[in-house]
Amino acid sequence: MNKELDLSVKFAKDCIGIEATQLATSLNPGEVLLLENLRFHKEEEKGDKDFCRKIIKTRRHLCQ
């Protein structure tokens, strides 16, 4: 529980992948998911299209 937000906050150790996707799909109303910064991936700086697709896939679950 985050005291400042007064909400349950979950943390994913990566911004893409199975863990991030599973946490995103398991969120309940009122819960927040904090993803690790994508800047830790070399692919982000290179503009890698496959990396972009992975990010979009994870984000789709967050925006439903």
PDB file of N, CA and C in Angstrom:
ATOM      1  N   MET A   1       0.865  -1.188   0.000  1.00  0.00           N
ATOM      2  CA  MET A   1       0.000   0.000   0.000  1.00  0.00           C
ATOM      3  C   MET A   1       0.897   1.232   0.000  1.00  0.00           C
ATOM      4  N   ASN A   2       0.649   2.131  -0.924  1.00  0.00           N
ATOM      5  CA  ASN A   2       1.379   3.375  -0.986  1.00  0.00           C
ATOM      6  C   ASN A   2       0.643   4.410  -0.156  1.00  0.00           C
ATOM      7  N   LYS A   3       1.312   4.965   0.829  1.00  0.00           N
ATOM      8  CA  LYS A   3       0.657   5.913   1.735  1.00  0.00           C
ATOM      9  C   LYS A   3       0.300   7.222   1.051  1.00  0.00           C
ATOM     10  N   GLU A   4       1.167   7.692   0.125  1.00  0.00           N
ATOM     11  CA  GLU A   4       0.907   8.960  -0.547  1.00  0.00           C
ATOM     12  C   GLU A   4      -0.317   8.885  -1.458  1.00  0.00           C
ATOM     13  N   LEU A   5      -0.475   7.776  -2.150  1.00  0.00           N
ATOM     14  CA  LEU A   5      -1.597   7.608  -3.070  1.00  0.00           C
ATOM     15  C   LEU A   5      -2.806   6.983  -2.401  1.00  0.00           C
ATOM     16  N   ASP A   6      -2.593   6.335  -1.281  1.00  0.00           N
ATOM     17  CA  ASP A   6      -3.631   5.580  -0.596  1.00  0.00           C
ATOM     18  C   ASP A   6      -4.215   4.513  -1.530  1.00  0.00           C
ATOM     19  N   LEU A   7      -3.316   3.898  -2.306  1.00  0.00           N
ATOM     20  CA  LEU A   7      -3.676   2.846  -3.245  1.00  0.00           C
ATOM     21  C   LEU A   7      -2.674   1.713  -3.137  1.00  0.00           C
ATOM     22  N   SER A   8      -3.075   0.555  -3.586  1.00  0.00           N
ATOM     23  CA  SER A   8      -2.167  -0.575  -3.668  1.00  0.00           C
ATOM     24  C   SER A   8      -1.289  -0.390  -4.906  1.00  0.00           C
ATOM     25  N   VAL A   9       0.039  -0.423  -4.720  1.00  0.00           N
ATOM     26  CA  VAL A   9       0.971  -0.232  -5.827  1.00  0.00           C
ATOM     27  C   VAL A   9       1.813  -1.497  -5.994  1.00  0.00           C
ATOM     28  N   LYS A  10       1.790  -2.053  -7.212  1.00  0.00           N
ATOM     29  CA  LYS A  10       2.615  -3.210  -7.538  1.00  0.00           C
ATOM     30  C   LYS A  10       3.794  -2.722  -8.376  1.00  0.00           C
ATOM     31  N   PHE A  11       4.899  -3.477  -8.358  1.00  0.00           N
ATOM     32  CA  PHE A  11       6.084  -3.086  -9.113  1.00  0.00           C
ATOM     33  C   PHE A  11       6.562  -4.240  -9.979  1.00  0.00           C
ATOM     34  N   ALA A  12       6.806  -3.960 -11.255  1.00  0.00           N
ATOM     35  CA  ALA A  12       7.371  -4.947 -12.177  1.00  0.00           C
ATOM     36  C   ALA A  12       8.841  -4.602 -12.384  1.00  0.00           C
ATOM     37  N   LYS A  13       9.703  -5.599 -12.307  1.00  0.00           N
ATOM     38  CA  LYS A  13      11.140  -5.387 -12.425  1.00  0.00           C
ATOM     39  C   LYS A  13      11.589  -5.077 -13.850  1.00  0.00           C
ATOM     40  N   ASP A  14      10.647  -5.101 -14.793  1.00  0.00           N
ATOM     41  CA  ASP A  14      10.945  -4.787 -16.183  1.00  0.00           C
ATOM     42  C   ASP A  14       9.721  -4.117 -16.789  1.00  0.00           C
ATOM     43  N   CYS A  15       9.908  -3.440 -17.904  1.00  0.00           N
ATOM     44  CA  CYS A  15       8.786  -2.764 -18.558  1.00  0.00           C
ATOM     45  C   CYS A  15       8.153  -3.625 -19.639  1.00  0.00           C
ATOM     46  N   ILE A  16       8.744  -4.776 -19.937  1.00  0.00           N
ATOM     47  CA  ILE A  16       8.229  -5.722 -20.919  1.00  0.00           C
ATOM     48  C   ILE A  16       8.337  -7.125 -20.340  1.00  0.00           C
ATOM     49  N   GLY A  17       7.756  -8.080 -21.031  1.00  0.00           N
ATOM     50  CA  GLY A  17       7.926  -9.472 -20.633  1.00  0.00           C
ATOM     51  C   GLY A  17       6.757 -10.050 -19.870  1.00  0.00           C
ATOM     52  N   ILE A  18       6.949 -11.310 -19.494  1.00  0.00           N
ATOM     53  CA  ILE A  18       5.883 -12.087 -18.853  1.00  0.00           C
ATOM     54  C   ILE A  18       5.452 -11.478 -17.523  1.00  0.00           C
ATOM     55  N   GLU A  19       6.411 -11.130 -16.671  1.00  0.00           N
ATOM     56  CA  GLU A  19       6.046 -10.595 -15.354  1.00  0.00           C
ATOM     57  C   GLU A  19       5.220  -9.319 -15.483  1.00  0.00           C
ATOM     58  N   ALA A  20       5.666  -8.397 -16.320  1.00  0.00           N
ATOM     59  CA  ALA A  20       4.951  -7.129 -16.500  1.00  0.00           C
ATOM     60  C   ALA A  20       3.548  -7.370 -17.047  1.00  0.00           C
ATOM     61  N   THR A  21       3.435  -8.259 -18.021  1.00  0.00           N
ATOM     62  CA  THR A  21       2.137  -8.565 -18.614  1.00  0.00           C
ATOM     63  C   THR A  21       1.215  -9.237 -17.607  1.00  0.00           C
ATOM     64  N   GLN A  22       1.736 -10.192 -16.841  1.00  0.00           N
ATOM     65  CA  GLN A  22       0.905 -10.876 -15.842  1.00  0.00           C
ATOM     66  C   GLN A  22       0.429  -9.909 -14.763  1.00  0.00           C
ATOM     67  N   LEU A  23       1.317  -9.041 -14.302  1.00  0.00           N
ATOM     68  CA  LEU A  23       0.916  -8.063 -13.292  1.00  0.00           C
ATOM     69  C   LEU A  23      -0.134  -7.110 -13.859  1.00  0.00           C
ATOM     70  N   ALA A  24       0.033  -6.697 -15.104  1.00  0.00           N
ATOM     71  CA  ALA A  24      -0.916  -5.782 -15.730  1.00  0.00           C
ATOM     72  C   ALA A  24      -2.292  -6.416 -15.843  1.00  0.00           C
ATOM     73  N   THR A  25      -2.338  -7.676 -16.243  1.00  0.00           N
ATOM     74  CA  THR A  25      -3.637  -8.334 -16.423  1.00  0.00           C
ATOM     75  C   THR A  25      -4.303  -8.703 -15.103  1.00  0.00           C
ATOM     76  N   SER A  26      -3.529  -8.738 -14.020  1.00  0.00           N
ATOM     77  CA  SER A  26      -4.104  -9.118 -12.729  1.00  0.00           C
ATOM     78  C   SER A  26      -4.493  -7.922 -11.868  1.00  0.00           C
ATOM     79  N   LEU A  27      -4.350  -6.711 -12.389  1.00  0.00           N
ATOM     80  CA  LEU A  27      -4.702  -5.532 -11.597  1.00  0.00           C
ATOM     81  C   LEU A  27      -6.189  -5.494 -11.300  1.00  0.00           C
ATOM     82  N   ASN A  28      -6.501  -5.113 -10.095  1.00  0.00           N
ATOM     83  CA  ASN A  28      -7.875  -4.892  -9.677  1.00  0.00           C
ATOM     84  C   ASN A  28      -8.163  -3.397  -9.734  1.00  0.00           C
ATOM     85  N   PRO A  29      -9.417  -2.995  -9.804  1.00  0.00           N
ATOM     86  CA  PRO A  29      -9.735  -1.569  -9.774  1.00  0.00           C
ATOM     87  C   PRO A  29      -9.105  -0.900  -8.554  1.00  0.00           C
ATOM     88  N   GLY A  30      -8.476   0.231  -8.785  1.00  0.00           N
ATOM     89  CA  GLY A  30      -7.841   0.963  -7.688  1.00  0.00           C
ATOM     90  C   GLY A  30      -6.396   0.596  -7.439  1.00  0.00           C
ATOM     91  N   GLU A  31      -5.869  -0.398  -8.143  1.00  0.00           N
ATOM     92  CA  GLU A  31      -4.461  -0.764  -7.992  1.00  0.00           C
ATOM     93  C   GLU A  31      -3.626  -0.072  -9.071  1.00  0.00           C
ATOM     94  N   VAL A  32      -2.367   0.153  -8.747  1.00  0.00           N
ATOM     95  CA  VAL A  32      -1.440   0.821  -9.648  1.00  0.00           C
ATOM     96  C   VAL A  32      -0.276  -0.111  -9.926  1.00  0.00           C
ATOM     97  N   LEU A  33       0.178  -0.131 -11.177  1.00  0.00           N
ATOM     98  CA  LEU A  33       1.351  -0.921 -11.548  1.00  0.00           C
ATOM     99  C   LEU A  33       2.451   0.026 -11.990  1.00  0.00           C
ATOM    100  N   LEU A  34       3.578  -0.040 -11.318  1.00  0.00           N
ATOM    101  CA  LEU A  34       4.756   0.747 -11.659  1.00  0.00           C
ATOM    102  C   LEU A  34       5.720  -0.160 -12.395  1.00  0.00           C
ATOM    103  N   LEU A  35       6.064   0.217 -13.630  1.00  0.00           N
ATOM    104  CA  LEU A  35       6.990  -0.565 -14.443  1.00  0.00           C
ATOM    105  C   LEU A  35       8.392   0.024 -14.361  1.00  0.00           C
ATOM    106  N   GLU A  36       9.398  -0.833 -14.417  1.00  0.00           N
ATOM    107  CA  GLU A  36      10.775  -0.361 -14.441  1.00  0.00           C
ATOM    108  C   GLU A  36      10.982   0.524 -15.670  1.00  0.00           C
ATOM    109  N   ASN A  37      11.899   1.445 -15.588  1.00  0.00           N
ATOM    110  CA  ASN A  37      12.170   2.398 -16.646  1.00  0.00           C
ATOM    111  C   ASN A  37      12.675   1.709 -17.911  1.00  0.00           C
ATOM    112  N   LEU A  38      12.070   2.028 -19.054  1.00  0.00           N
ATOM    113  CA  LEU A  38      12.490   1.407 -20.310  1.00  0.00           C
ATOM    114  C   LEU A  38      13.851   1.892 -20.770  1.00  0.00           C
ATOM    115  N   ARG A  39      14.374   2.930 -20.208  1.00  0.00           N
ATOM    116  CA  ARG A  39      15.694   3.455 -20.593  1.00  0.00           C
ATOM    117  C   ARG A  39      16.827   2.494 -20.224  1.00  0.00           C
ATOM    118  N   PHE A  40      16.541   1.474 -19.442  1.00  0.00           N
ATOM    119  CA  PHE A  40      17.562   0.482 -19.097  1.00  0.00           C
ATOM    120  C   PHE A  40      17.806  -0.505 -20.237  1.00  0.00           C
ATOM    121  N   HIS A  41      17.013  -0.410 -21.287  1.00  0.00           N
ATOM    122  CA  HIS A  41      17.159  -1.302 -22.443  1.00  0.00           C
ATOM    123  C   HIS A  41      17.919  -0.590 -23.562  1.00  0.00           C
ATOM    124  N   LYS A  42      18.959  -1.227 -24.073  1.00  0.00           N
ATOM    125  CA  LYS A  42      19.712  -0.660 -25.192  1.00  0.00           C
ATOM    126  C   LYS A  42      18.808  -0.445 -26.402  1.00  0.00           C
ATOM    127  N   GLU A  43      17.844  -1.333 -26.569  1.00  0.00           N
ATOM    128  CA  GLU A  43      16.942  -1.267 -27.717  1.00  0.00           C
ATOM    129  C   GLU A  43      16.133   0.031 -27.748  1.00  0.00           C
ATOM    130  N   GLU A  44      15.879   0.607 -26.587  1.00  0.00           N
ATOM    131  CA  GLU A  44      15.098   1.836 -26.518  1.00  0.00           C
ATOM    132  C   GLU A  44      15.846   2.969 -27.211  1.00  0.00           C
ATOM    133  N   GLU A  45      17.121   3.083 -26.958  1.00  0.00           N
ATOM    134  CA  GLU A  45      17.910   4.154 -27.558  1.00  0.00           C
ATOM    135  C   GLU A  45      18.101   3.960 -29.058  1.00  0.00           C
ATOM    136  N   LYS A  46      18.059   2.722 -29.518  1.00  0.00           N
ATOM    137  CA  LYS A  46      18.263   2.418 -30.931  1.00  0.00           C
ATOM    138  C   LYS A  46      16.977   2.549 -31.751  1.00  0.00           C
ATOM    139  N   GLY A  47      15.850   2.686 -31.081  1.00  0.00           N
ATOM    140  CA  GLY A  47      14.576   2.743 -31.788  1.00  0.00           C
ATOM    141  C   GLY A  47      14.183   1.395 -32.375  1.00  0.00           C
ATOM    142  N   ASP A  48      14.539   0.322 -31.677  1.00  0.00           N
ATOM    143  CA  ASP A  48      14.277  -1.044 -32.139  1.00  0.00           C
ATOM    144  C   ASP A  48      12.777  -1.310 -32.246  1.00  0.00           C
ATOM    145  N   LYS A  49      12.317  -1.687 -33.431  1.00  0.00           N
ATOM    146  CA  LYS A  49      10.876  -1.893 -33.666  1.00  0.00           C
ATOM    147  C   LYS A  49      10.325  -3.097 -32.902  1.00  0.00           C
ATOM    148  N   ASP A  50      11.105  -4.162 -32.767  1.00  0.00           N
ATOM    149  CA  ASP A  50      10.641  -5.332 -32.012  1.00  0.00           C
ATOM    150  C   ASP A  50      10.453  -4.968 -30.541  1.00  0.00           C
ATOM    151  N   PHE A  51      11.368  -4.182 -29.997  1.00  0.00           N
ATOM    152  CA  PHE A  51      11.254  -3.723 -28.614  1.00  0.00           C
ATOM    153  C   PHE A  51       9.995  -2.871 -28.449  1.00  0.00           C
ATOM    154  N   CYS A  52       9.732  -2.026 -29.425  1.00  0.00           N
ATOM    155  CA  CYS A  52       8.535  -1.187 -29.401  1.00  0.00           C
ATOM    156  C   CYS A  52       7.277  -2.054 -29.377  1.00  0.00           C
ATOM    157  N   ARG A  53       7.253  -3.113 -30.157  1.00  0.00           N
ATOM    158  CA  ARG A  53       6.100  -4.014 -30.177  1.00  0.00           C
ATOM    159  C   ARG A  53       5.881  -4.668 -28.812  1.00  0.00           C
ATOM    160  N   LYS A  54       6.981  -5.030 -28.153  1.00  0.00           N
ATOM    161  CA  LYS A  54       6.871  -5.646 -26.827  1.00  0.00           C
ATOM    162  C   LYS A  54       6.290  -4.662 -25.820  1.00  0.00           C
ATOM    163  N   ILE A  55       6.704  -3.413 -25.911  1.00  0.00           N
ATOM    164  CA  ILE A  55       6.180  -2.384 -25.004  1.00  0.00           C
ATOM    165  C   ILE A  55       4.685  -2.186 -25.246  1.00  0.00           C
ATOM    166  N   ILE A  56       4.304  -2.098 -26.513  1.00  0.00           N
ATOM    167  CA  ILE A  56       2.893  -1.909 -26.852  1.00  0.00           C
ATOM    168  C   ILE A  56       2.055  -3.070 -26.331  1.00  0.00           C
ATOM    169  N   LYS A  57       2.558  -4.290 -26.470  1.00  0.00           N
ATOM    170  CA  LYS A  57       1.825  -5.467 -25.993  1.00  0.00           C
ATOM    171  C   LYS A  57       1.560  -5.372 -24.486  1.00  0.00           C
ATOM    172  N   THR A  58       2.567  -4.973 -23.721  1.00  0.00           N
ATOM    173  CA  THR A  58       2.400  -4.824 -22.273  1.00  0.00           C
ATOM    174  C   THR A  58       1.419  -3.698 -21.954  1.00  0.00           C
ATOM    175  N   ARG A  59       1.532  -2.587 -22.649  1.00  0.00           N
ATOM    176  CA  ARG A  59       0.679  -1.429 -22.380  1.00  0.00           C
ATOM    177  C   ARG A  59      -0.778  -1.693 -22.710  1.00  0.00           C
ATOM    178  N   ARG A  60      -1.039  -2.515 -23.714  1.00  0.00           N
ATOM    179  CA  ARG A  60      -2.436  -2.834 -24.049  1.00  0.00           C
ATOM    180  C   ARG A  60      -3.177  -3.383 -22.833  1.00  0.00           C
ATOM    181  N   HIS A  61      -2.497  -4.217 -22.074  1.00  0.00           N
ATOM    182  CA  HIS A  61      -3.125  -4.798 -20.884  1.00  0.00           C
ATOM    183  C   HIS A  61      -3.391  -3.733 -19.825  1.00  0.00           C
ATOM    184  N   LEU A  62      -2.572  -2.690 -19.808  1.00  0.00           N
ATOM    185  CA  LEU A  62      -2.743  -1.644 -18.803  1.00  0.00           C
ATOM    186  C   LEU A  62      -3.865  -0.693 -19.160  1.00  0.00           C
ATOM    187  N   CYS A  63      -4.206  -0.586 -20.423  1.00  0.00           N
ATOM    188  CA  CYS A  63      -5.178   0.410 -20.882  1.00  0.00           C
ATOM    189  C   CYS A  63      -6.568  -0.167 -21.100  1.00  0.00           C
ATOM    190  N   GLN A  64      -6.811  -1.374 -20.676  1.00  0.00           N
ATOM    191  CA  GLN A  64      -8.129  -1.965 -20.883  1.00  0.00           C
ATOM    192  C   GLN A  64      -9.076  -1.581 -19.777  1.00  0.00           C
TER     193      GLN A  64
END
